[in-house]
Amino acid sequence: MSLTLRHDVCATDTEDGMVLLDEITGRYWQLNGTATLILRTLLGGAAPQKAASGLREAYPQLTVERSGSDTASLIDALLEAGLVVPA
């Protein structure tokens, strides 16, 4: 499942990752570099497995299970917060 940002959510790069701003509520979320890597991969149209694979390439010490779990957790959190929708 690839994702897209909800139409009223904007993303801004930061020194350490990315900030997502919900323009309706004014709430924002700060993503670290790892979460940013995952989200950018998903926003680019890739499946979660590809995002997890990219995470392992960036951090070779991660296991397949951990990278998959971290990717799934981020997707769940972003969907629950209403920041992204399936593309």
Protein backbone atom coordinates (compact mmCIF):
# COMPACT_ATOMS: atom_id res chain seq x y z
CA MET A 1 0.00 0.00 0.00
CA SER A 2 1.53 3.29 -1.05
CA LEU A 3 0.41 6.44 0.72
CA THR A 4 -0.27 10.05 -0.06
CA LEU A 5 -0.51 12.99 2.31
CA ARG A 6 -4.03 14.16 3.02
CA HIS A 7 -4.73 17.23 0.86
CA ASP A 8 -4.59 19.62 3.83
CA VAL A 9 -1.35 18.24 5.31
CA CYS A 10 1.92 19.81 4.28
CA ALA A 11 5.43 18.45 4.76
CA THR A 12 8.57 20.45 5.42
CA ASP A 13 12.08 19.07 5.59
CA THR A 14 14.09 19.72 8.72
CA GLU A 15 17.72 19.18 9.58
CA ASP A 16 16.90 15.85 11.22
CA GLY A 17 13.86 14.67 9.26
CA MET A 18 10.50 16.17 8.42
CA VAL A 19 7.58 18.01 10.00
CA LEU A 20 3.99 17.33 8.97
CA LEU A 21 1.45 20.10 9.58
CA ASP A 22 -2.30 19.51 9.61
CA GLU A 23 -3.47 22.85 8.24
CA ILE A 24 -7.01 22.35 9.58
CA THR A 25 -6.17 21.63 13.22
CA GLY A 26 -2.82 23.39 13.40
CA ARG A 27 -1.23 20.27 14.91
CA TYR A 28 2.14 19.15 13.71
CA TRP A 29 4.21 16.00 13.94
CA GLN A 30 7.97 15.83 13.84
CA LEU A 31 9.44 12.78 12.13
CA ASN A 32 12.99 11.64 12.73
CA GLY A 33 15.27 10.60 9.87
CA THR A 34 14.18 6.97 9.98
CA ALA A 35 10.48 7.80 9.80
CA THR A 36 11.19 10.29 7.03
CA LEU A 37 12.99 7.64 4.99
CA ILE A 38 10.03 5.28 5.34
CA LEU A 39 7.44 7.95 4.54
CA ARG A 40 9.30 9.27 1.50
CA THR A 41 9.51 5.75 0.10
CA LEU A 42 5.78 5.20 0.60
CA LEU A 43 4.87 8.62 -0.82
CA GLY A 44 6.95 7.70 -3.87
CA GLY A 45 4.53 4.87 -4.61
CA ALA A 46 6.44 1.96 -3.09
CA ALA A 47 4.92 -0.81 -1.01
CA PRO A 48 5.69 -1.15 2.71
CA GLN A 49 8.06 -4.06 1.98
CA LYS A 50 10.18 -1.75 -0.21
CA ALA A 51 10.24 0.86 2.56
CA ALA A 52 11.38 -1.78 5.06
CA SER A 53 14.06 -2.92 2.63
CA GLY A 54 15.28 0.66 2.21
CA LEU A 55 15.42 0.99 5.98
CA ARG A 56 17.64 -2.11 6.18
CA GLU A 57 19.92 -0.69 3.48
CA ALA A 58 20.33 2.52 5.48
CA TYR A 59 20.72 0.67 8.79
CA PRO A 60 22.26 -2.77 8.09
CA GLN A 61 22.13 -3.76 11.74
CA LEU A 62 18.31 -3.93 11.60
CA THR A 63 16.69 -7.31 11.24
CA VAL A 64 14.00 -8.02 8.66
CA GLU A 65 11.48 -8.32 11.49
CA ARG A 66 12.43 -5.01 13.10
CA SER A 67 12.42 -3.02 9.87
CA GLY A 68 9.03 -4.50 8.93
CA SER A 69 7.63 -3.81 12.38
CA ASP A 70 8.91 -0.23 12.42
CA THR A 71 7.45 0.41 8.96
CA ALA A 72 4.06 -1.04 9.93
CA SER A 73 4.01 0.95 13.17
CA LEU A 74 4.70 4.21 11.35
CA ILE A 75 2.02 3.50 8.75
CA ASP A 76 -0.52 2.73 11.50
CA ALA A 77 0.36 5.91 13.41
CA LEU A 78 0.14 8.13 10.32
CA LEU A 79 -3.20 6.61 9.29
CA GLU A 80 -4.59 6.90 12.82
CA ALA A 81 -3.54 10.55 12.99
CA GLY A 82 -5.27 11.12 9.65
CA LEU A 83 -2.14 12.53 8.04
CA VAL A 84 -2.03 10.10 5.13
CA VAL A 85 -4.48 8.13 3.02
CA PRO A 86 -3.91 5.10 0.81
CA ALA A 87 -2.87 6.16 -2.68
